[in-house]
Amino acid sequence: MHLDHKAGDKLYVDFAGEKLSITDKDTGEVLEAEVFVATLGASQLTYVEAVLSQQKEDFIAACENALHFYGGVPAAIVPDNLKAAVTKSNRYEPTLNETFADFADHYGTTSALPARAYRPRW
């Protein structure tokens, strides 16, 4: 399905599927890392970062790093319904995490618009 996107309109953010393994060079300890992905809708320019968890602190830090990578702020940030961004998932009016909403306000973007929760249809 083809979707038309305006340049600078939306930034889509989420964590990718499987975790990665990171080995500490000094201790040899193997840590698991989550894969954060941010994609601009129009250009499909993608930012990827490994973070230690999906907690809101790591999520917001990764979002901030993505904005610095892009060199600007989109009109809206669209997270999937992950707990770091959405406290209550609802099909029509999801409730945003207060910290993530403050992050969006700080950067002057419109309130982050979570993707609608639904089941895929085959």
N, C-alpha and C. Protein backbone atom coordinates (compact mmCIF):
# COMPACT_ATOMS: atom_id res chain seq x y z
N MET A 1 0.84 -1.17 0.00
CA MET A 1 0.00 0.00 0.00
C MET A 1 0.90 1.24 0.00
N HIS A 2 0.66 2.16 -0.88
CA HIS A 2 1.45 3.38 -1.01
C HIS A 2 0.89 4.46 -0.09
N LEU A 3 1.77 5.07 0.70
CA LEU A 3 1.39 6.18 1.56
C LEU A 3 2.17 7.41 1.14
N ASP A 4 1.50 8.54 1.01
CA ASP A 4 2.18 9.80 0.69
C ASP A 4 2.55 10.50 1.99
N HIS A 5 3.81 10.93 2.10
CA HIS A 5 4.30 11.63 3.28
C HIS A 5 4.85 12.98 2.87
N LYS A 6 4.58 14.00 3.68
CA LYS A 6 5.18 15.30 3.46
C LYS A 6 6.55 15.33 4.14
N ALA A 7 7.50 16.01 3.51
CA ALA A 7 8.85 16.10 4.07
C ALA A 7 8.82 16.80 5.43
N GLY A 8 9.49 16.21 6.42
CA GLY A 8 9.57 16.80 7.75
C GLY A 8 8.30 16.67 8.56
N ASP A 9 7.35 15.88 8.10
CA ASP A 9 6.07 15.78 8.78
C ASP A 9 6.11 14.83 9.97
N LYS A 10 6.55 13.58 9.76
CA LYS A 10 6.50 12.59 10.83
C LYS A 10 7.80 11.80 10.93
N LEU A 11 8.13 11.48 12.17
CA LEU A 11 9.24 10.60 12.50
C LEU A 11 8.65 9.39 13.20
N TYR A 12 8.85 8.21 12.64
CA TYR A 12 8.31 6.98 13.20
C TYR A 12 9.39 6.31 14.04
N VAL A 13 9.08 5.98 15.30
CA VAL A 13 10.07 5.40 16.21
C VAL A 13 9.52 4.11 16.83
N ASP A 14 10.42 3.15 17.02
CA ASP A 14 10.05 1.87 17.64
C ASP A 14 11.32 1.09 17.92
N PHE A 15 11.16 -0.03 18.60
CA PHE A 15 12.26 -0.96 18.81
C PHE A 15 12.08 -2.12 17.84
N ALA A 16 13.20 -2.57 17.26
CA ALA A 16 13.17 -3.67 16.31
C ALA A 16 13.07 -4.99 17.07
N GLY A 17 12.74 -6.04 16.34
CA GLY A 17 12.49 -7.38 16.87
C GLY A 17 13.45 -7.94 17.90
N GLU A 18 14.45 -8.68 17.47
CA GLU A 18 15.30 -9.43 18.38
C GLU A 18 16.41 -8.56 18.99
N LYS A 19 16.85 -8.99 20.18
CA LYS A 19 17.92 -8.28 20.86
C LYS A 19 19.27 -8.64 20.23
N LEU A 20 20.23 -7.73 20.40
CA LEU A 20 21.60 -7.98 19.97
C LEU A 20 22.45 -8.31 21.19
N SER A 21 23.59 -8.92 20.96
CA SER A 21 24.55 -9.19 22.04
C SER A 21 25.74 -8.26 21.88
N ILE A 22 26.14 -7.65 22.99
CA ILE A 22 27.30 -6.77 23.01
C ILE A 22 28.28 -7.33 24.02
N THR A 23 29.55 -7.45 23.62
CA THR A 23 30.58 -7.98 24.52
C THR A 23 31.44 -6.83 25.01
N ASP A 24 31.57 -6.72 26.33
CA ASP A 24 32.43 -5.71 26.95
C ASP A 24 33.88 -6.13 26.71
N LYS A 25 34.68 -5.26 26.08
CA LYS A 25 36.07 -5.60 25.75
C LYS A 25 36.92 -5.84 27.00
N ASP A 26 36.65 -5.09 28.06
CA ASP A 26 37.47 -5.19 29.27
C ASP A 26 37.16 -6.43 30.09
N THR A 27 35.87 -6.70 30.32
CA THR A 27 35.49 -7.80 31.21
C THR A 27 35.10 -9.07 30.46
N GLY A 28 34.75 -8.96 29.19
CA GLY A 28 34.30 -10.12 28.43
C GLY A 28 32.84 -10.46 28.69
N GLU A 29 32.16 -9.61 29.48
CA GLU A 29 30.75 -9.83 29.80
C GLU A 29 29.88 -9.59 28.56
N VAL A 30 28.93 -10.47 28.35
CA VAL A 30 28.03 -10.34 27.20
C VAL A 30 26.72 -9.72 27.69
N LEU A 31 26.37 -8.58 27.12
CA LEU A 31 25.14 -7.86 27.47
C LEU A 31 24.17 -7.92 26.31
N GLU A 32 22.89 -7.96 26.62
CA GLU A 32 21.88 -7.91 25.57
C GLU A 32 21.45 -6.46 25.36
N ALA A 33 21.23 -6.09 24.11
CA ALA A 33 20.86 -4.72 23.78
C ALA A 33 19.63 -4.70 22.88
N GLU A 34 18.79 -3.71 23.09
CA GLU A 34 17.62 -3.49 22.25
C GLU A 34 18.03 -2.63 21.05
N VAL A 35 17.32 -2.76 19.95
CA VAL A 35 17.63 -2.00 18.75
C VAL A 35 16.54 -0.94 18.53
N PHE A 36 16.92 0.32 18.71
CA PHE A 36 16.02 1.45 18.50
C PHE A 36 16.11 1.87 17.04
N VAL A 37 14.95 2.11 16.40
CA VAL A 37 14.91 2.51 15.00
C VAL A 37 14.01 3.73 14.86
N ALA A 38 14.50 4.76 14.17
CA ALA A 38 13.72 5.96 13.86
C ALA A 38 13.80 6.19 12.35
N THR A 39 12.64 6.42 11.72
CA THR A 39 12.60 6.61 10.27
C THR A 39 11.74 7.81 9.92
N LEU A 40 12.26 8.68 9.05
CA LEU A 40 11.47 9.79 8.53
C LEU A 40 10.52 9.25 7.47
N GLY A 41 9.27 9.69 7.51
CA GLY A 41 8.26 9.16 6.60
C GLY A 41 8.54 9.42 5.13
N ALA A 42 8.89 10.63 4.77
CA ALA A 42 9.02 10.98 3.35
C ALA A 42 10.30 10.42 2.73
N SER A 43 11.43 10.62 3.38
CA SER A 43 12.71 10.22 2.78
C SER A 43 13.13 8.81 3.15
N GLN A 44 12.52 8.22 4.14
CA GLN A 44 12.90 6.91 4.66
C GLN A 44 14.31 6.91 5.23
N LEU A 45 14.86 8.10 5.56
CA LEU A 45 16.16 8.19 6.20
C LEU A 45 16.03 7.55 7.58
N THR A 46 16.90 6.60 7.89
CA THR A 46 16.75 5.79 9.10
C THR A 46 17.91 5.98 10.04
N TYR A 47 17.59 6.07 11.33
CA TYR A 47 18.58 6.14 12.41
C TYR A 47 18.40 4.89 13.26
N VAL A 48 19.51 4.18 13.54
CA VAL A 48 19.46 2.96 14.34
C VAL A 48 20.49 3.08 15.46
N GLU A 49 20.08 2.66 16.67
CA GLU A 49 20.98 2.73 17.83
C GLU A 49 20.70 1.54 18.74
N ALA A 50 21.76 0.97 19.30
CA ALA A 50 21.60 -0.09 20.29
C ALA A 50 21.56 0.54 21.67
N VAL A 51 20.54 0.19 22.46
CA VAL A 51 20.41 0.68 23.83
C VAL A 51 20.25 -0.53 24.75
N LEU A 52 20.51 -0.34 26.03
CA LEU A 52 20.48 -1.48 26.95
C LEU A 52 19.08 -1.95 27.31
N SER A 53 18.08 -1.07 27.23
CA SER A 53 16.73 -1.50 27.61
C SER A 53 15.69 -0.68 26.85
N GLN A 54 14.43 -1.07 27.01
CA GLN A 54 13.33 -0.32 26.42
C GLN A 54 12.70 0.61 27.46
N GLN A 55 13.41 0.89 28.54
CA GLN A 55 12.91 1.81 29.56
C GLN A 55 12.81 3.21 28.98
N LYS A 56 11.96 4.03 29.60
CA LYS A 56 11.71 5.36 29.02
C LYS A 56 12.96 6.23 28.97
N GLU A 57 13.89 6.07 29.92
CA GLU A 57 15.11 6.88 29.89
C GLU A 57 15.94 6.56 28.64
N ASP A 58 16.12 5.27 28.35
CA ASP A 58 16.87 4.87 27.16
C ASP A 58 16.12 5.25 25.88
N PHE A 59 14.81 5.11 25.90
CA PHE A 59 13.99 5.45 24.73
C PHE A 59 14.08 6.94 24.41
N ILE A 60 13.93 7.78 25.42
CA ILE A 60 13.97 9.23 25.20
C ILE A 60 15.37 9.68 24.79
N ALA A 61 16.40 9.08 25.39
CA ALA A 61 17.78 9.42 24.99
C ALA A 61 18.01 9.03 23.53
N ALA A 62 17.51 7.89 23.11
CA ALA A 62 17.67 7.47 21.72
C ALA A 62 16.89 8.39 20.78
N CYS A 63 15.69 8.81 21.18
CA CYS A 63 14.91 9.76 20.37
C CYS A 63 15.67 11.08 20.23
N GLU A 64 16.26 11.54 21.32
CA GLU A 64 17.03 12.78 21.28
C GLU A 64 18.24 12.64 20.35
N ASN A 65 18.93 11.50 20.42
CA ASN A 65 20.07 11.26 19.53
C ASN A 65 19.62 11.23 18.08
N ALA A 66 18.44 10.68 17.82
CA ALA A 66 17.92 10.65 16.44
C ALA A 66 17.66 12.07 15.94
N LEU A 67 17.10 12.92 16.78
CA LEU A 67 16.83 14.31 16.37
C LEU A 67 18.14 15.03 16.06
N HIS A 68 19.18 14.78 16.87
CA HIS A 68 20.49 15.38 16.59
C HIS A 68 21.07 14.84 15.28
N PHE A 69 20.88 13.55 15.03
CA PHE A 69 21.34 12.96 13.78
C PHE A 69 20.67 13.61 12.57
N TYR A 70 19.36 13.82 12.65
CA TYR A 70 18.62 14.42 11.54
C TYR A 70 18.89 15.92 11.42
N GLY A 71 19.33 16.55 12.48
CA GLY A 71 19.62 17.97 12.44
C GLY A 71 18.38 18.84 12.48
N GLY A 72 17.30 18.31 13.00
CA GLY A 72 16.05 19.07 13.09
C GLY A 72 14.98 18.25 13.78
N VAL A 73 13.81 18.87 13.89
CA VAL A 73 12.69 18.24 14.58
C VAL A 73 11.51 18.13 13.62
N PRO A 74 10.90 16.96 13.53
CA PRO A 74 9.73 16.80 12.66
C PRO A 74 8.50 17.45 13.28
N ALA A 75 7.45 17.55 12.50
CA ALA A 75 6.20 18.11 13.02
C ALA A 75 5.57 17.20 14.06
N ALA A 76 5.77 15.89 13.93
CA ALA A 76 5.20 14.93 14.89
C ALA A 76 6.10 13.71 15.01
N ILE A 77 6.10 13.13 16.20
CA ILE A 77 6.81 11.87 16.45
C ILE A 77 5.74 10.80 16.63
N VAL A 78 5.86 9.71 15.89
CA VAL A 78 4.86 8.65 15.94
C VAL A 78 5.50 7.37 16.51
N PRO A 79 5.29 7.12 17.82
CA PRO A 79 5.81 5.88 18.38
C PRO A 79 4.81 4.75 18.17
N ASP A 80 5.32 3.53 18.22
CA ASP A 80 4.41 2.40 18.27
C ASP A 80 3.88 2.37 19.70
N ASN A 81 3.02 1.47 20.03
CA ASN A 81 2.43 1.45 21.37
C ASN A 81 3.33 0.75 22.38
N LEU A 82 4.57 1.23 22.52
CA LEU A 82 5.46 0.66 23.51
C LEU A 82 5.28 1.38 24.83
N LYS A 83 5.58 0.69 25.93
CA LYS A 83 5.31 1.24 27.25
C LYS A 83 6.12 2.48 27.59
N ALA A 84 7.27 2.66 26.97
CA ALA A 84 8.09 3.84 27.24
C ALA A 84 7.43 5.11 26.72
N ALA A 85 6.51 5.00 25.77
CA ALA A 85 5.87 6.18 25.18
C ALA A 85 4.39 6.27 25.52
N VAL A 86 3.72 5.14 25.67
CA VAL A 86 2.27 5.12 25.87
C VAL A 86 1.94 4.41 27.17
N THR A 87 1.22 5.08 28.07
CA THR A 87 0.86 4.45 29.33
C THR A 87 -0.41 3.62 29.22
N LYS A 88 -1.35 4.05 28.38
CA LYS A 88 -2.59 3.30 28.20
C LYS A 88 -2.90 3.24 26.71
N SER A 89 -2.88 2.02 26.18
CA SER A 89 -3.15 1.84 24.77
C SER A 89 -4.66 1.82 24.52
N ASN A 90 -5.09 2.60 23.55
CA ASN A 90 -6.49 2.67 23.18
C ASN A 90 -6.53 2.88 21.68
N ARG A 91 -7.49 2.28 21.02
CA ARG A 91 -7.54 2.38 19.56
C ARG A 91 -7.72 3.82 19.06
N TYR A 92 -8.48 4.62 19.78
CA TYR A 92 -8.78 5.97 19.30
C TYR A 92 -8.08 7.08 20.08
N GLU A 93 -7.90 6.91 21.39
CA GLU A 93 -7.24 7.95 22.19
C GLU A 93 -6.27 7.32 23.19
N PRO A 94 -5.09 6.93 22.74
CA PRO A 94 -4.10 6.39 23.67
C PRO A 94 -3.58 7.48 24.60
N THR A 95 -3.16 7.09 25.80
CA THR A 95 -2.63 8.03 26.77
C THR A 95 -1.11 8.00 26.70
N LEU A 96 -0.50 9.15 26.47
CA LEU A 96 0.95 9.25 26.37
C LEU A 96 1.60 9.25 27.74
N ASN A 97 2.80 8.70 27.80
CA ASN A 97 3.63 8.79 28.99
C ASN A 97 3.95 10.27 29.19
N GLU A 98 3.80 10.76 30.41
CA GLU A 98 3.99 12.19 30.69
C GLU A 98 5.41 12.65 30.34
N THR A 99 6.40 11.83 30.62
CA THR A 99 7.79 12.19 30.33
C THR A 99 8.01 12.33 28.83
N PHE A 100 7.44 11.40 28.06
CA PHE A 100 7.59 11.47 26.59
C PHE A 100 6.84 12.68 26.02
N ALA A 101 5.67 12.99 26.58
CA ALA A 101 4.93 14.18 26.15
C ALA A 101 5.72 15.45 26.45
N ASP A 102 6.37 15.50 27.62
CA ASP A 102 7.22 16.65 27.96
C ASP A 102 8.42 16.75 27.01
N PHE A 103 8.98 15.61 26.64
CA PHE A 103 10.09 15.58 25.67
C PHE A 103 9.64 16.20 24.35
N ALA A 104 8.47 15.79 23.86
CA ALA A 104 7.95 16.32 22.60
C ALA A 104 7.70 17.82 22.71
N ASP A 105 7.14 18.27 23.82
CA ASP A 105 6.90 19.70 24.03
C ASP A 105 8.21 20.49 24.08
N HIS A 106 9.20 19.92 24.74
CA HIS A 106 10.49 20.59 24.86
C HIS A 106 11.11 20.85 23.48
N TYR A 107 10.97 19.90 22.58
CA TYR A 107 11.54 20.04 21.25
C TYR A 107 10.62 20.74 20.27
N GLY A 108 9.47 21.19 20.74
CA GLY A 108 8.59 21.99 19.89
C GLY A 108 7.86 21.21 18.82
N THR A 109 7.75 19.92 18.99
CA THR A 109 6.98 19.12 18.06
C THR A 109 5.57 18.98 18.60
N THR A 110 4.62 18.70 17.74
CA THR A 110 3.27 18.51 18.25
C THR A 110 3.26 17.28 19.14
N SER A 111 2.24 17.16 19.94
CA SER A 111 2.15 16.00 20.82
C SER A 111 2.38 14.75 20.00
N ALA A 112 3.22 13.89 20.52
CA ALA A 112 3.52 12.66 19.81
C ALA A 112 2.23 11.87 19.59
N LEU A 113 2.05 11.39 18.40
CA LEU A 113 0.83 10.67 18.03
C LEU A 113 1.11 9.18 17.98
N PRO A 114 0.69 8.39 18.98
CA PRO A 114 0.94 6.96 18.92
C PRO A 114 0.19 6.29 17.77
N ALA A 115 0.80 5.28 17.21
CA ALA A 115 0.12 4.51 16.17
C ALA A 115 -1.09 3.81 16.78
N ARG A 116 -2.14 3.65 16.00
CA ARG A 116 -3.33 2.99 16.53
C ARG A 116 -3.05 1.53 16.80
N ALA A 117 -3.59 1.05 17.90
CA ALA A 117 -3.44 -0.36 18.25
C ALA A 117 -4.51 -1.17 17.55
N TYR A 118 -4.10 -2.18 16.83
CA TYR A 118 -5.06 -3.07 16.18
C TYR A 118 -4.36 -4.36 15.81
N ARG A 119 -5.15 -5.35 15.44
CA ARG A 119 -4.59 -6.62 15.01
C ARG A 119 -4.50 -6.64 13.50
N PRO A 120 -3.41 -7.20 12.97
CA PRO A 120 -3.32 -7.28 11.50
C PRO A 120 -4.40 -8.20 10.95
N ARG A 121 -4.89 -7.86 9.78
CA ARG A 121 -5.91 -8.67 9.14
C ARG A 121 -5.31 -9.37 7.93
N TRP A 122 -5.60 -10.64 7.77
CA TRP A 122 -5.05 -11.41 6.65
C TRP A 122 -6.06 -11.60 5.60
